[in-house]
Amino acid sequence: MSTSPASPNPTAAVLVIGNEILSGRTKDANLPHIAEKLAGIGVRLREARVVPDIEEEIIAALDALRGRYGYVFTTGGIGPTHDDITSACVAKAFGVPLERNAEAVARLERHYGDPSKLNEARLRMANIPAGASLIDNPISAAPGFRIGNVFVMAGVPNIMQAMLDGVLPQLEGGPDLHARTVACELAEGQIAADLGALQDRYADLEIGSYPYFRNGFFGVSLVLRGTDEARVVAATEELAGLVLRLGGTPNVTVGTKG
């Protein structure tokens, strides 16, 4: 079930576009940054997809995500080369023409200064779906854009981050998300049954179990998240007591580290 941006619990999805991500040549750094920034304003990132530079796959993924979530953020594919097809795909998904945007052209002209540097390839970065609003790019001028609930941004991490900083004030956030972590050197199998029972008693919270191996020891980080801080604190206290009863030493931290 979708949630509108203005709902009490707004949701989002990220669509990462690019063959270089799927090939392993480029390691995506944008998804964790977007997730962290959205969480900071109470927007829950619920899904992420990675698709190649293939028109029908980009459009299909975009249509699926924008109908299900309040916000969709795309990264990649808005540069000057032949394989940068995101803008055209977004236009097709929304059923609008792709147009040479006058304001986008003006921004590129100011950035490059010398008209001879603003060749046709670079002007492709000013092709924007009709009706979209521009997203500022303070680093290299070529803008992203917003159309409907979709925000189209660059794939280069520092440019994407700058674009996102400009976008965040436009978003309708939700309630703060509170988190606690209980780390201990117990095996998941030792705590699984009791942890499941705790989750049943606190169905309004998210309780996740994340095993680790550090300094020669196995352990687990048990992360509790929710919008009701008192409930998170109460569940954390119960969980710490549970760890003690099972012979572990709970290390409780605020946030998701531990």
C-alpha atoms as a PDB file:
ATOM      1  CA  MET A   1       0.000   0.000   0.000  1.00  0.00           C
ATOM      2  CA  SER A   2       1.426   3.381  -0.968  1.00  0.00           C
ATOM      3  CA  THR A   3       1.760   6.362   1.327  1.00  0.00           C
ATOM      4  CA  SER A   4       1.526   9.927   0.111  1.00  0.00           C
ATOM      5  CA  PRO A   5       4.396  12.317   0.893  1.00  0.00           C
ATOM      6  CA  ALA A   6       2.153  14.124   3.396  1.00  0.00           C
ATOM      7  CA  SER A   7       1.133  10.964   5.275  1.00  0.00           C
ATOM      8  CA  PRO A   8       2.099  10.603   8.967  1.00  0.00           C
ATOM      9  CA  ASN A   9       4.674   7.979   8.004  1.00  0.00           C
ATOM     10  CA  PRO A  10       6.104   9.030   4.617  1.00  0.00           C
ATOM     11  CA  THR A  11       8.029   6.406   2.678  1.00  0.00           C
ATOM     12  CA  ALA A  12      10.613   6.455  -0.074  1.00  0.00           C
ATOM     13  CA  ALA A  13      12.439   4.270  -2.563  1.00  0.00           C
ATOM     14  CA  VAL A  14      15.749   4.655  -4.376  1.00  0.00           C
ATOM     15  CA  LEU A  15      16.313   3.636  -7.984  1.00  0.00           C
ATOM     16  CA  VAL A  16      20.013   3.317  -8.825  1.00  0.00           C
ATOM     17  CA  ILE A  17      20.581   3.396 -12.578  1.00  0.00           C
ATOM     18  CA  GLY A  18      23.734   2.234 -14.318  1.00  0.00           C
ATOM     19  CA  ASN A  19      25.522  -0.724 -15.836  1.00  0.00           C
ATOM     20  CA  GLU A  20      28.666   0.228 -13.914  1.00  0.00           C
ATOM     21  CA  ILE A  21      26.963  -0.528 -10.593  1.00  0.00           C
ATOM     22  CA  LEU A  22      25.715  -3.931 -11.734  1.00  0.00           C
ATOM     23  CA  SER A  23      29.108  -4.873 -13.174  1.00  0.00           C
ATOM     24  CA  GLY A  24      30.858  -4.110  -9.906  1.00  0.00           C
ATOM     25  CA  ARG A  25      33.129  -1.548 -11.532  1.00  0.00           C
ATOM     26  CA  THR A  26      31.607   1.238  -9.432  1.00  0.00           C
ATOM     27  CA  LYS A  27      30.689   0.773  -5.773  1.00  0.00           C
ATOM     28  CA  ASP A  28      27.494   2.650  -4.990  1.00  0.00           C
ATOM     29  CA  ALA A  29      27.917   5.211  -2.211  1.00  0.00           C
ATOM     30  CA  ASN A  30      24.647   7.044  -2.738  1.00  0.00           C
ATOM     31  CA  LEU A  31      22.150   4.622  -1.199  1.00  0.00           C
ATOM     32  CA  PRO A  32      23.480   4.732   2.400  1.00  0.00           C
ATOM     33  CA  HIS A  33      23.768   8.521   2.245  1.00  0.00           C
ATOM     34  CA  ILE A  34      20.194   8.935   1.033  1.00  0.00           C
ATOM     35  CA  ALA A  35      18.910   6.468   3.634  1.00  0.00           C
ATOM     36  CA  GLU A  36      20.643   8.303   6.474  1.00  0.00           C
ATOM     37  CA  LYS A  37      19.464  11.735   5.367  1.00  0.00           C
ATOM     38  CA  LEU A  38      15.861  10.590   4.900  1.00  0.00           C
ATOM     39  CA  ALA A  39      15.814   8.880   8.295  1.00  0.00           C
ATOM     40  CA  GLY A  40      16.913  12.175   9.803  1.00  0.00           C
ATOM     41  CA  ILE A  41      13.667  13.833   8.705  1.00  0.00           C
ATOM     42  CA  GLY A  42      11.381  10.901   9.433  1.00  0.00           C
ATOM     43  CA  VAL A  43      11.073   9.498   5.901  1.00  0.00           C
ATOM     44  CA  ARG A  44      11.398   5.715   5.845  1.00  0.00           C
ATOM     45  CA  LEU A  45      13.378   4.212   2.987  1.00  0.00           C
ATOM     46  CA  ARG A  46      11.471   1.014   2.150  1.00  0.00           C
ATOM     47  CA  GLU A  47      12.996  -0.247  -1.067  1.00  0.00           C
ATOM     48  CA  ALA A  48      16.018   0.124  -3.342  1.00  0.00           C
ATOM     49  CA  ARG A  49      16.511  -1.237  -6.835  1.00  0.00           C
ATOM     50  CA  VAL A  50      19.451  -1.257  -9.234  1.00  0.00           C
ATOM     51  CA  VAL A  51      18.709  -1.401 -12.946  1.00  0.00           C
ATOM     52  CA  PRO A  52      20.866  -1.285 -16.097  1.00  0.00           C
ATOM     53  CA  ASP A  53      20.885   1.420 -18.745  1.00  0.00           C
ATOM     54  CA  ILE A  54      17.951  -0.178 -20.555  1.00  0.00           C
ATOM     55  CA  GLU A  55      14.921   1.957 -21.278  1.00  0.00           C
ATOM     56  CA  GLU A  56      12.162  -0.551 -20.599  1.00  0.00           C
ATOM     57  CA  GLU A  57      13.723  -1.675 -17.331  1.00  0.00           C
ATOM     58  CA  ILE A  58      14.157   1.869 -16.042  1.00  0.00           C
ATOM     59  CA  ILE A  59      10.561   2.763 -16.919  1.00  0.00           C
ATOM     60  CA  ALA A  60       9.131  -0.425 -15.408  1.00  0.00           C
ATOM     61  CA  ALA A  61      11.019   0.065 -12.153  1.00  0.00           C
ATOM     62  CA  LEU A  62      10.118   3.726 -11.971  1.00  0.00           C
ATOM     63  CA  ASP A  63       6.415   3.058 -12.525  1.00  0.00           C
ATOM     64  CA  ALA A  64       6.392   0.336  -9.876  1.00  0.00           C
ATOM     65  CA  LEU A  65       8.138   2.465  -7.267  1.00  0.00           C
ATOM     66  CA  ARG A  66       6.397   5.800  -7.784  1.00  0.00           C
ATOM     67  CA  GLY A  67       2.997   4.204  -7.359  1.00  0.00           C
ATOM     68  CA  ARG A  68       3.967   2.464  -4.144  1.00  0.00           C
ATOM     69  CA  TYR A  69       5.994   5.043  -2.207  1.00  0.00           C
ATOM     70  CA  GLY A  70       5.620   8.695  -1.313  1.00  0.00           C
ATOM     71  CA  TYR A  71       8.976   9.683  -2.767  1.00  0.00           C
ATOM     72  CA  VAL A  72      11.298   8.114  -5.336  1.00  0.00           C
ATOM     73  CA  PHE A  73      14.921   9.170  -5.756  1.00  0.00           C
ATOM     74  CA  THR A  74      16.869   8.140  -8.838  1.00  0.00           C
ATOM     75  CA  THR A  75      20.640   8.379  -9.180  1.00  0.00           C
ATOM     76  CA  GLY A  76      22.689   8.161 -12.352  1.00  0.00           C
ATOM     77  CA  GLY A  77      22.183   8.519 -16.073  1.00  0.00           C
ATOM     78  CA  ILE A  78      21.744  12.281 -16.483  1.00  0.00           C
ATOM     79  CA  GLY A  79      25.138  13.100 -18.005  1.00  0.00           C
ATOM     80  CA  PRO A  80      26.132  14.033 -21.599  1.00  0.00           C
ATOM     81  CA  THR A  81      26.885  10.629 -23.134  1.00  0.00           C
ATOM     82  CA  HIS A  82      24.813   8.215 -25.211  1.00  0.00           C
ATOM     83  CA  ASP A  83      24.159   5.880 -22.268  1.00  0.00           C
ATOM     84  CA  ASP A  84      22.730   8.671 -20.096  1.00  0.00           C
ATOM     85  CA  ILE A  85      19.074   7.920 -20.790  1.00  0.00           C
ATOM     86  CA  THR A  86      17.411   8.542 -17.427  1.00  0.00           C
ATOM     87  CA  SER A  87      15.788  11.867 -18.344  1.00  0.00           C
ATOM     88  CA  ALA A  88      14.236  10.454 -21.510  1.00  0.00           C
ATOM     89  CA  CYS A  89      12.981   7.396 -19.616  1.00  0.00           C
ATOM     90  CA  VAL A  90      11.384   9.530 -16.900  1.00  0.00           C
ATOM     91  CA  ALA A  91       9.649  11.620 -19.559  1.00  0.00           C
ATOM     92  CA  LYS A  92       8.235   8.464 -21.152  1.00  0.00           C
ATOM     93  CA  ALA A  93       7.133   7.101 -17.780  1.00  0.00           C
ATOM     94  CA  PHE A  94       5.153  10.288 -17.137  1.00  0.00           C
ATOM     95  CA  GLY A  95       3.896  10.557 -20.704  1.00  0.00           C
ATOM     96  CA  VAL A  96       5.368  14.011 -21.351  1.00  0.00           C
ATOM     97  CA  PRO A  97       7.826  15.289 -23.965  1.00  0.00           C
ATOM     98  CA  LEU A  98      11.527  15.753 -23.245  1.00  0.00           C
ATOM     99  CA  GLU A  99      12.313  19.423 -23.861  1.00  0.00           C
ATOM    100  CA  ARG A 100      15.393  21.628 -23.986  1.00  0.00           C
ATOM    101  CA  ASN A 101      14.857  23.594 -20.763  1.00  0.00           C
ATOM    102  CA  ALA A 102      15.754  27.281 -21.131  1.00  0.00           C
ATOM    103  CA  GLU A 103      16.726  27.773 -17.491  1.00  0.00           C
ATOM    104  CA  ALA A 104      18.905  24.663 -17.556  1.00  0.00           C
ATOM    105  CA  VAL A 105      20.635  25.981 -20.689  1.00  0.00           C
ATOM    106  CA  ALA A 106      21.211  29.343 -18.991  1.00  0.00           C
ATOM    107  CA  ARG A 107      22.802  27.625 -15.983  1.00  0.00           C
ATOM    108  CA  LEU A 108      25.141  25.675 -18.244  1.00  0.00           C
ATOM    109  CA  GLU A 109      26.045  28.806 -20.195  1.00  0.00           C
ATOM    110  CA  ARG A 110      26.988  30.595 -16.990  1.00  0.00           C
ATOM    111  CA  HIS A 111      28.991  27.612 -15.805  1.00  0.00           C
ATOM    112  CA  TYR A 112      31.020  27.056 -18.964  1.00  0.00           C
ATOM    113  CA  GLY A 113      31.421  30.725 -19.856  1.00  0.00           C
ATOM    114  CA  ASP A 114      33.002  30.135 -23.267  1.00  0.00           C
ATOM    115  CA  PRO A 115      30.175  29.253 -25.718  1.00  0.00           C
ATOM    116  CA  SER A 116      32.507  26.930 -27.615  1.00  0.00           C
ATOM    117  CA  LYS A 117      32.683  24.658 -24.561  1.00  0.00           C
ATOM    118  CA  LEU A 118      28.911  24.221 -24.453  1.00  0.00           C
ATOM    119  CA  ASN A 119      28.685  21.633 -27.202  1.00  0.00           C
ATOM    120  CA  GLU A 120      25.632  19.579 -28.123  1.00  0.00           C
ATOM    121  CA  ALA A 121      26.660  16.727 -25.847  1.00  0.00           C
ATOM    122  CA  ARG A 122      26.699  19.029 -22.828  1.00  0.00           C
ATOM    123  CA  LEU A 123      23.433  20.616 -23.914  1.00  0.00           C
ATOM    124  CA  ARG A 124      21.832  17.159 -23.620  1.00  0.00           C
ATOM    125  CA  MET A 125      22.041  17.733 -19.860  1.00  0.00           C
ATOM    126  CA  ALA A 126      19.489  20.534 -20.308  1.00  0.00           C
ATOM    127  CA  ASN A 127      16.885  18.139 -21.753  1.00  0.00           C
ATOM    128  CA  ILE A 128      14.213  17.958 -19.044  1.00  0.00           C
ATOM    129  CA  PRO A 129      10.711  16.413 -19.035  1.00  0.00           C
ATOM    130  CA  ALA A 130       8.024  19.023 -19.639  1.00  0.00           C
ATOM    131  CA  GLY A 131       6.537  20.321 -16.404  1.00  0.00           C
ATOM    132  CA  ALA A 132       9.460  19.259 -14.214  1.00  0.00           C
ATOM    133  CA  SER A 133      11.130  21.663 -11.778  1.00  0.00           C
ATOM    134  CA  LEU A 134      14.914  21.866 -11.639  1.00  0.00           C
ATOM    135  CA  ILE A 135      17.085  20.623  -8.790  1.00  0.00           C
ATOM    136  CA  ASP A 136      20.108  22.851  -8.221  1.00  0.00           C
ATOM    137  CA  ASN A 137      23.584  21.508  -8.863  1.00  0.00           C
ATOM    138  CA  PRO A 138      26.032  23.872  -7.132  1.00  0.00           C
ATOM    139  CA  ILE A 139      29.046  21.815  -8.197  1.00  0.00           C
ATOM    140  CA  SER A 140      28.838  21.346 -11.963  1.00  0.00           C
ATOM    141  CA  ALA A 141      25.658  23.306 -12.835  1.00  0.00           C
ATOM    142  CA  ALA A 142      23.900  20.551 -14.819  1.00  0.00           C
ATOM    143  CA  PRO A 143      20.631  20.275 -12.915  1.00  0.00           C
ATOM    144  CA  GLY A 144      18.580  17.354 -11.736  1.00  0.00           C
ATOM    145  CA  PHE A 145      14.820  17.670 -11.676  1.00  0.00           C
ATOM    146  CA  ARG A 146      11.626  16.791  -9.874  1.00  0.00           C
ATOM    147  CA  ILE A 147       8.472  15.593 -11.565  1.00  0.00           C
ATOM    148  CA  GLY A 148       5.554  14.350  -9.501  1.00  0.00           C
ATOM    149  CA  ASN A 149       6.981  12.443  -6.554  1.00  0.00           C
ATOM    150  CA  VAL A 150      10.192  11.542  -8.413  1.00  0.00           C
ATOM    151  CA  PHE A 151      13.523  13.296  -7.790  1.00  0.00           C
ATOM    152  CA  VAL A 152      16.126  12.683 -10.500  1.00  0.00           C
ATOM    153  CA  MET A 153      19.706  13.228  -9.388  1.00  0.00           C
ATOM    154  CA  ALA A 154      23.267  12.676 -10.548  1.00  0.00           C
ATOM    155  CA  GLY A 155      25.195   9.489  -9.867  1.00  0.00           C
ATOM    156  CA  VAL A 156      28.488  11.167  -8.892  1.00  0.00           C
ATOM    157  CA  PRO A 157      28.353  11.063  -5.081  1.00  0.00           C
ATOM    158  CA  ASN A 158      29.444  14.613  -4.228  1.00  0.00           C
ATOM    159  CA  ILE A 159      27.056  16.068  -6.822  1.00  0.00           C
ATOM    160  CA  MET A 160      24.199  13.842  -5.664  1.00  0.00           C
ATOM    161  CA  GLN A 161      24.803  14.865  -2.061  1.00  0.00           C
ATOM    162  CA  ALA A 162      24.705  18.550  -2.970  1.00  0.00           C
ATOM    163  CA  MET A 163      21.480  18.029  -4.907  1.00  0.00           C
ATOM    164  CA  LEU A 164      19.919  16.119  -2.016  1.00  0.00           C
ATOM    165  CA  ASP A 165      20.806  18.880   0.430  1.00  0.00           C
ATOM    166  CA  GLY A 166      18.745  21.241  -1.701  1.00  0.00           C
ATOM    167  CA  VAL A 167      15.855  18.793  -1.969  1.00  0.00           C
ATOM    168  CA  LEU A 168      15.445  17.846   1.696  1.00  0.00           C
ATOM    169  CA  PRO A 169      13.750  21.112   2.773  1.00  0.00           C
ATOM    170  CA  GLN A 170      11.038  20.448   0.152  1.00  0.00           C
ATOM    171  CA  LEU A 171      10.039  17.120   1.685  1.00  0.00           C
ATOM    172  CA  GLU A 172       7.271  16.449   4.166  1.00  0.00           C
ATOM    173  CA  GLY A 173       8.918  14.451   6.926  1.00  0.00           C
ATOM    174  CA  GLY A 174       7.440  12.231   9.593  1.00  0.00           C
ATOM    175  CA  PRO A 175       7.981  11.635  13.304  1.00  0.00           C
ATOM    176  CA  ASP A 176      11.510  11.143  14.576  1.00  0.00           C
ATOM    177  CA  LEU A 177      12.802   7.595  14.569  1.00  0.00           C
ATOM    178  CA  HIS A 178      14.442   6.542  17.844  1.00  0.00           C
ATOM    179  CA  ALA A 179      16.962   3.709  17.974  1.00  0.00           C
ATOM    180  CA  ARG A 180      18.874   1.719  20.574  1.00  0.00           C
ATOM    181  CA  THR A 181      21.369  -1.092  20.106  1.00  0.00           C
ATOM    182  CA  VAL A 182      22.080  -3.925  22.508  1.00  0.00           C
ATOM    183  CA  ALA A 183      25.319  -5.669  21.551  1.00  0.00           C
ATOM    184  CA  CYS A 184      26.481  -8.864  23.214  1.00  0.00           C
ATOM    185  CA  GLU A 185      28.684 -11.894  22.617  1.00  0.00           C
ATOM    186  CA  LEU A 186      25.860 -14.384  22.362  1.00  0.00           C
ATOM    187  CA  ALA A 187      25.006 -16.457  19.319  1.00  0.00           C
ATOM    188  CA  GLU A 188      21.788 -15.670  17.493  1.00  0.00           C
ATOM    189  CA  GLY A 189      20.573 -19.196  18.148  1.00  0.00           C
ATOM    190  CA  GLN A 190      20.777 -18.604  21.897  1.00  0.00           C
ATOM    191  CA  ILE A 191      18.567 -15.550  21.824  1.00  0.00           C
ATOM    192  CA  ALA A 192      16.285 -16.140  18.836  1.00  0.00           C
ATOM    193  CA  ALA A 193      13.246 -17.550  20.645  1.00  0.00           C
ATOM    194  CA  ASP A 194      13.184 -14.903  23.365  1.00  0.00           C
ATOM    195  CA  LEU A 195      13.871 -12.165  20.827  1.00  0.00           C
ATOM    196  CA  GLY A 196      10.880 -13.281  18.785  1.00  0.00           C
ATOM    197  CA  ALA A 197       8.691 -13.152  21.879  1.00  0.00           C
ATOM    198  CA  LEU A 198       9.932  -9.635  22.619  1.00  0.00           C
ATOM    199  CA  GLN A 199       9.056  -8.571  19.086  1.00  0.00           C
ATOM    200  CA  ASP A 200       5.536  -9.955  19.586  1.00  0.00           C
ATOM    201  CA  ARG A 201       5.117  -7.845  22.729  1.00  0.00           C
ATOM    202  CA  TYR A 202       6.434  -4.755  20.949  1.00  0.00           C
ATOM    203  CA  ALA A 203       4.807  -5.156  17.562  1.00  0.00           C
ATOM    204  CA  ASP A 204       4.961  -1.382  17.003  1.00  0.00           C
ATOM    205  CA  LEU A 205       8.784  -1.493  16.979  1.00  0.00           C
ATOM    206  CA  GLU A 206      11.304  -2.883  14.514  1.00  0.00           C
ATOM    207  CA  ILE A 207      13.730  -5.262  16.200  1.00  0.00           C
ATOM    208  CA  GLY A 208      16.580  -6.576  14.063  1.00  0.00           C
ATOM    209  CA  SER A 209      19.371  -9.025  14.752  1.00  0.00           C
ATOM    210  CA  TYR A 210      22.768  -8.490  13.090  1.00  0.00           C
ATOM    211  CA  PRO A 211      25.557 -11.001  13.858  1.00  0.00           C
ATOM    212  CA  TYR A 212      29.220 -10.014  13.761  1.00  0.00           C
ATOM    213  CA  PHE A 213      32.699 -11.462  14.230  1.00  0.00           C
ATOM    214  CA  ARG A 214      35.157  -9.093  15.889  1.00  0.00           C
ATOM    215  CA  ASN A 215      38.452  -9.599  17.702  1.00  0.00           C
ATOM    216  CA  GLY A 216      38.071 -13.346  17.484  1.00  0.00           C
ATOM    217  CA  PHE A 217      34.595 -13.431  18.993  1.00  0.00           C
ATOM    218  CA  PHE A 218      31.141 -13.935  17.568  1.00  0.00           C
ATOM    219  CA  GLY A 219      28.411 -11.649  18.767  1.00  0.00           C
ATOM    220  CA  VAL A 220      25.209  -9.960  17.749  1.00  0.00           C
ATOM    221  CA  SER A 221      23.932  -6.393  17.578  1.00  0.00           C
ATOM    222  CA  LEU A 222      20.231  -6.201  18.394  1.00  0.00           C
ATOM    223  CA  VAL A 223      18.757  -2.986  17.036  1.00  0.00           C
ATOM    224  CA  LEU A 224      15.422  -1.556  18.169  1.00  0.00           C
ATOM    225  CA  ARG A 225      13.719   1.257  16.232  1.00  0.00           C
ATOM    226  CA  GLY A 226      10.441   3.100  16.644  1.00  0.00           C
ATOM    227  CA  THR A 227       8.777   6.486  16.750  1.00  0.00           C
ATOM    228  CA  ASP A 228       7.709   6.159  20.424  1.00  0.00           C
ATOM    229  CA  GLU A 229      10.881   6.751  22.416  1.00  0.00           C
ATOM    230  CA  ALA A 230       9.396   5.475  25.668  1.00  0.00           C
ATOM    231  CA  ARG A 231       8.500   2.178  24.014  1.00  0.00           C
ATOM    232  CA  VAL A 232      11.987   1.854  22.539  1.00  0.00           C
ATOM    233  CA  VAL A 233      13.554   2.480  25.948  1.00  0.00           C
ATOM    234  CA  ALA A 234      11.252  -0.029  27.661  1.00  0.00           C
ATOM    235  CA  ALA A 235      11.959  -2.733  25.096  1.00  0.00           C
ATOM    236  CA  THR A 236      15.685  -2.028  25.342  1.00  0.00           C
ATOM    237  CA  GLU A 237      15.600  -2.508  29.105  1.00  0.00           C
ATOM    238  CA  GLU A 238      13.783  -5.820  28.704  1.00  0.00           C
ATOM    239  CA  LEU A 239      16.255  -6.956  26.070  1.00  0.00           C
ATOM    240  CA  ALA A 240      19.263  -6.039  28.204  1.00  0.00           C
ATOM    241  CA  GLY A 241      17.770  -8.057  31.061  1.00  0.00           C
ATOM    242  CA  LEU A 242      17.206 -10.970  28.718  1.00  0.00           C
ATOM    243  CA  VAL A 243      20.840 -10.901  27.602  1.00  0.00           C
ATOM    244  CA  LEU A 244      21.961 -10.968  31.240  1.00  0.00           C
ATOM    245  CA  ARG A 245      19.753 -13.953  32.039  1.00  0.00           C
ATOM    246  CA  LEU A 246      21.273 -15.835  29.109  1.00  0.00           C
ATOM    247  CA  GLY A 247      24.781 -15.227  30.392  1.00  0.00           C
ATOM    248  CA  GLY A 248      25.751 -12.338  28.155  1.00  0.00           C
ATOM    249  CA  THR A 249      26.942  -8.809  28.905  1.00  0.00           C
ATOM    250  CA  PRO A 250      24.716  -6.211  27.201  1.00  0.00           C
ATOM    251  CA  ASN A 251      26.364  -3.140  25.733  1.00  0.00           C
ATOM    252  CA  VAL A 252      23.611  -0.582  25.180  1.00  0.00           C
ATOM    253  CA  THR A 253      24.120   2.405  22.875  1.00  0.00           C
ATOM    254  CA  VAL A 254      21.833   5.091  21.521  1.00  0.00           C
ATOM    255  CA  GLY A 255      21.520   4.817  17.754  1.00  0.00           C
ATOM    256  CA  THR A 256      22.348   1.824  15.585  1.00  0.00           C
ATOM    257  CA  LYS A 257      26.024   1.325  16.409  1.00  0.00           C
ATOM    258  CA  GLY A 258      27.364  -1.346  18.687  1.00  0.00           C
END
